[in-house]
Amino acid sequence: MLPGGRAPSFFDLPGAGAELLGSRTWGVPGAAVRTGRKDWAMTEQPRRPVATYATYQEAERAVDHLSDQGFPVERVAVIGQDVRLVEQVVGRMNYGRAALHGAASGALPGALIGWLFGLLDWVDPLVSALLVALYGLIFGAIVGALFGLLLYALQGGRRDFASVRSMEPGRYDVVVDEAVADEAVRLLGGLRTSGVGGRPAPS
C-alpha cells in the first residue's frame, strides 16, 4: 500500500506514464514532458497567417514553394476557414437504384469476409480463398440489395434522390510561426505575382 491507503497502479512504476516538469501545464509554451524513454520540450509558438488561397491545391503549392526555398516547413500549417456542408445531388432514387446501391455496398465486405474464411483451408488456401470470396461477393450483394430496398421502402418516398455530402472550406490560410513569418511572406511574394492566386491573409 502507498501513503494514504492507495493501492499501487501502473503509473507508480519507475519510468511509466508521463510526468510534467516544473510548474507549467500541458500545451503551454515551454512545457516539458518526461517519459520512461526520453525527454522533450513541447512548445507552442504563436502563429500568424501569411497568405490566403481559394483552393487547397493553391495552398499546397505555396507550402511546396516554401519547402523548395529551404524554409522550415515544420513551422507551417494550412487551416481551412469558413467550413460549410455541401450536399451534391447525383440522381433520382427509386427501387432499382436503391437495390443497386445496396448491392454495391454489400459486395465488397462479403468478398473480404469470404476471402478470410477461405484462407482457413490448409490444403489449397489460394483457390479456396478465391472461391469463397466469390461466394461472399454474391451473398453480400444480395443481402445489401435487400437492405437497400428495405431502407428505401421505410422512407416512404420522403427522400427520392441520391446525394453525396462533403465539408468544404471557403478559403485556406497558410499560417506560420511568428518568428519566421516575415521570411515566409517574402518568399511567397514572388509566388503570388506568378499568378498562383494567393493574397495576403487578413490581419
Protein backbone atom coordinates (compact mmCIF):
# COMPACT_ATOMS: atom_id res chain seq x y z
CA MET A 1 0.00 0.00 0.00
CA LEU A 2 1.11 3.54 -0.73
CA PRO A 3 0.77 6.51 1.67
CA GLY A 4 -2.86 7.39 2.18
CA GLY A 5 -4.03 3.79 1.80
CA ARG A 6 -3.91 3.89 -2.05
CA ALA A 7 -3.11 0.72 -3.95
CA PRO A 8 -0.17 0.94 -6.41
CA SER A 9 -1.01 1.36 -10.11
CA PHE A 10 0.84 1.25 -13.42
CA PHE A 11 1.70 4.93 -13.18
CA ASP A 12 3.59 4.34 -9.91
CA LEU A 13 6.17 2.16 -11.70
CA PRO A 14 9.56 3.77 -12.49
CA GLY A 15 9.56 5.40 -15.92
CA ALA A 16 5.88 4.64 -16.60
CA GLY A 17 3.40 7.23 -17.78
CA ALA A 18 4.28 10.89 -18.28
CA GLU A 19 5.39 13.48 -15.78
CA LEU A 20 5.23 17.25 -16.22
CA LEU A 21 8.43 19.06 -15.27
CA GLY A 22 8.18 22.36 -13.45
CA SER A 23 5.01 24.30 -12.79
CA ARG A 24 3.95 24.72 -16.43
CA THR A 25 0.89 22.86 -17.75
CA TRP A 26 0.49 20.63 -20.79
CA GLY A 27 0.23 22.55 -24.06
CA VAL A 28 1.54 25.81 -22.57
CA PRO A 29 4.64 27.27 -24.26
CA GLY A 30 7.80 25.89 -22.72
CA ALA A 31 6.18 22.88 -21.01
CA ALA A 32 8.39 19.80 -20.92
CA VAL A 33 7.30 16.18 -20.66
CA ARG A 34 9.31 13.26 -19.28
CA THR A 35 8.65 9.67 -20.26
CA GLY A 36 10.48 6.47 -19.46
CA ARG A 37 12.48 6.69 -22.72
CA LYS A 38 13.27 10.34 -23.43
CA ASP A 39 12.57 13.96 -22.57
CA TRP A 40 11.48 16.62 -24.99
CA ALA A 41 10.08 20.15 -24.95
CA MET A 42 6.52 20.82 -26.05
CA THR A 43 6.47 24.36 -27.39
CA GLU A 44 3.51 26.19 -28.86
CA GLN A 45 4.70 29.15 -30.87
CA PRO A 46 2.29 31.99 -31.69
CA ARG A 47 1.34 31.81 -35.37
CA ARG A 48 0.35 34.39 -37.96
CA PRO A 49 -1.49 33.94 -41.29
CA VAL A 50 0.80 34.92 -44.17
CA ALA A 51 -1.39 34.12 -47.20
CA THR A 52 -4.92 33.04 -48.09
CA TYR A 53 -5.93 30.84 -51.03
CA ALA A 54 -9.26 29.94 -52.56
CA THR A 55 -8.39 26.25 -53.10
CA TYR A 56 -6.35 23.67 -51.24
CA GLN A 57 -4.23 23.00 -54.33
CA GLU A 58 -3.01 26.60 -54.27
CA ALA A 59 -2.20 26.44 -50.56
CA GLU A 60 -0.41 23.12 -51.13
CA ARG A 61 1.65 24.69 -53.91
CA ALA A 62 2.56 27.60 -51.63
CA VAL A 63 3.86 25.24 -48.92
CA ASP A 64 5.75 23.27 -51.55
CA HIS A 65 7.32 26.54 -52.76
CA LEU A 66 8.45 27.30 -49.21
CA SER A 67 9.96 23.83 -48.96
CA ASP A 68 11.83 24.30 -52.24
CA GLN A 69 13.31 27.53 -50.87
CA GLY A 70 14.66 25.76 -47.79
CA PHE A 71 12.07 27.25 -45.43
CA PRO A 72 11.43 25.20 -42.22
CA VAL A 73 8.04 23.85 -43.29
CA GLU A 74 7.54 22.07 -39.96
CA ARG A 75 6.59 25.55 -38.71
CA VAL A 76 3.81 25.91 -41.29
CA ALA A 77 0.16 24.84 -41.17
CA VAL A 78 -2.74 25.02 -43.64
CA ILE A 79 -6.06 25.86 -41.97
CA GLY A 80 -9.43 25.66 -43.71
CA GLN A 81 -11.74 28.53 -42.78
CA ASP A 82 -15.48 29.15 -43.23
CA VAL A 83 -16.28 25.41 -43.48
CA ARG A 84 -19.67 24.63 -44.99
CA LEU A 85 -21.67 21.48 -45.68
CA VAL A 86 -22.23 20.79 -49.39
CA GLU A 87 -24.71 18.11 -50.47
CA GLN A 88 -24.41 17.30 -54.16
CA VAL A 89 -27.46 15.56 -55.64
CA VAL A 90 -26.29 12.82 -58.02
CA GLY A 91 -29.58 11.43 -59.26
CA ARG A 92 -33.13 10.30 -58.65
CA MET A 93 -33.67 7.48 -56.19
CA ASN A 94 -36.05 4.60 -56.95
CA TYR A 95 -36.29 0.94 -56.02
CA GLY A 96 -33.85 -0.13 -58.73
CA ARG A 97 -31.20 2.42 -57.75
CA ALA A 98 -31.71 1.63 -54.06
CA ALA A 99 -31.12 -2.07 -54.74
CA LEU A 100 -28.06 -1.27 -56.86
CA HIS A 101 -26.51 0.95 -54.20
CA GLY A 102 -27.20 -1.64 -51.52
CA ALA A 103 -25.66 -4.42 -53.62
CA ALA A 104 -22.54 -2.34 -54.27
CA SER A 105 -22.10 -1.55 -50.59
CA GLY A 106 -22.57 -5.18 -49.53
CA ALA A 107 -20.48 -6.89 -52.21
CA LEU A 108 -17.05 -5.76 -51.06
CA PRO A 109 -17.48 -6.65 -47.36
CA GLY A 110 -18.94 -10.01 -48.40
CA ALA A 111 -15.96 -10.75 -50.66
CA LEU A 112 -13.50 -9.75 -47.94
CA ILE A 113 -15.16 -11.97 -45.33
CA GLY A 114 -15.28 -14.85 -47.81
CA TRP A 115 -11.59 -14.41 -48.60
CA LEU A 116 -10.65 -14.54 -44.94
CA PHE A 117 -12.71 -17.69 -44.36
CA GLY A 118 -11.22 -19.28 -47.47
CA LEU A 119 -7.70 -18.82 -46.13
CA LEU A 120 -8.55 -21.26 -43.33
CA ASP A 121 -8.39 -24.13 -45.81
CA TRP A 122 -4.86 -25.50 -45.30
CA VAL A 123 -4.95 -27.84 -48.34
CA ASP A 124 -5.24 -25.24 -51.07
CA PRO A 125 -5.73 -21.84 -49.41
CA LEU A 126 -5.41 -19.68 -52.55
CA VAL A 127 -8.06 -21.48 -54.62
CA SER A 128 -10.34 -21.86 -51.62
CA ALA A 129 -9.98 -18.18 -50.71
CA LEU A 130 -10.82 -17.04 -54.24
CA LEU A 131 -13.82 -19.37 -54.47
CA VAL A 132 -15.23 -18.43 -51.06
CA ALA A 133 -14.55 -14.75 -51.82
CA LEU A 134 -16.69 -15.09 -54.96
CA TYR A 135 -19.48 -16.69 -52.95
CA GLY A 136 -19.13 -13.95 -50.35
CA LEU A 137 -19.32 -11.25 -53.01
CA ILE A 138 -22.54 -12.70 -54.41
CA PHE A 139 -24.07 -13.22 -50.97
CA GLY A 140 -23.05 -9.74 -49.81
CA ALA A 141 -24.52 -8.15 -52.93
CA ILE A 142 -27.83 -9.95 -52.41
CA VAL A 143 -28.04 -9.03 -48.72
CA GLY A 144 -27.01 -5.44 -49.48
CA ALA A 145 -29.64 -5.13 -52.19
CA LEU A 146 -32.33 -6.41 -49.81
CA PHE A 147 -31.28 -3.94 -47.13
CA GLY A 148 -31.22 -1.13 -49.68
CA LEU A 149 -34.76 -1.93 -50.77
CA LEU A 150 -35.92 -2.18 -47.17
CA LEU A 151 -34.42 1.16 -46.17
CA TYR A 152 -35.86 2.89 -49.22
CA ALA A 153 -39.30 1.42 -48.55
CA LEU A 154 -39.19 2.59 -44.92
CA GLN A 155 -38.53 6.18 -46.03
CA GLY A 156 -41.97 6.26 -47.65
CA GLY A 157 -40.92 8.47 -50.56
CA ARG A 158 -39.57 11.27 -48.34
CA ARG A 159 -36.12 11.23 -49.98
CA ASP A 160 -36.38 10.22 -53.62
CA PHE A 161 -32.88 11.32 -54.56
CA ALA A 162 -29.30 10.22 -54.00
CA SER A 163 -26.64 12.66 -52.87
CA VAL A 164 -23.05 12.93 -51.66
CA ARG A 165 -22.17 15.14 -48.69
CA SER A 166 -18.84 16.84 -48.11
CA MET A 167 -17.34 19.55 -45.94
CA GLU A 168 -15.73 22.37 -47.96
CA PRO A 169 -13.78 25.31 -46.52
CA GLY A 170 -14.39 28.69 -48.08
CA ARG A 171 -10.68 29.55 -48.00
CA TYR A 172 -7.35 28.14 -46.86
CA ASP A 173 -4.99 30.15 -44.65
CA VAL A 174 -1.28 29.39 -44.60
CA VAL A 175 -0.12 30.16 -41.06
CA VAL A 176 3.49 30.31 -39.90
CA ASP A 177 5.25 30.68 -36.57
CA GLU A 178 5.57 34.38 -35.73
CA ALA A 179 9.36 34.15 -35.51
CA VAL A 180 9.71 33.23 -39.21
CA ALA A 181 6.51 34.77 -40.61
CA ASP A 182 8.27 37.72 -42.28
CA GLU A 183 10.57 35.36 -44.17
CA ALA A 184 7.56 33.32 -45.35
CA VAL A 185 5.81 36.48 -46.58
CA ARG A 186 8.92 37.44 -48.55
CA LEU A 187 9.22 34.00 -50.16
CA LEU A 188 5.53 33.81 -51.02
CA GLY A 189 5.52 37.30 -52.52
CA GLY A 190 7.13 36.12 -55.72
CA LEU A 191 4.80 33.13 -55.92
CA ARG A 192 1.69 35.32 -55.69
CA THR A 193 2.90 37.55 -58.53
CA SER A 194 3.36 34.44 -60.68
CA GLY A 195 -0.42 34.01 -60.85
CA VAL A 196 -0.90 31.31 -58.23
CA GLY A 197 -3.94 33.11 -56.85
CA GLY A 198 -2.87 33.75 -53.28
CA ARG A 199 -3.45 37.00 -51.46
CA PRO A 200 -2.17 38.40 -48.19
CA ALA A 201 -4.03 36.96 -45.23
CA PRO A 202 -6.43 39.35 -43.46
CA SER A 203 -4.87 40.89 -40.39
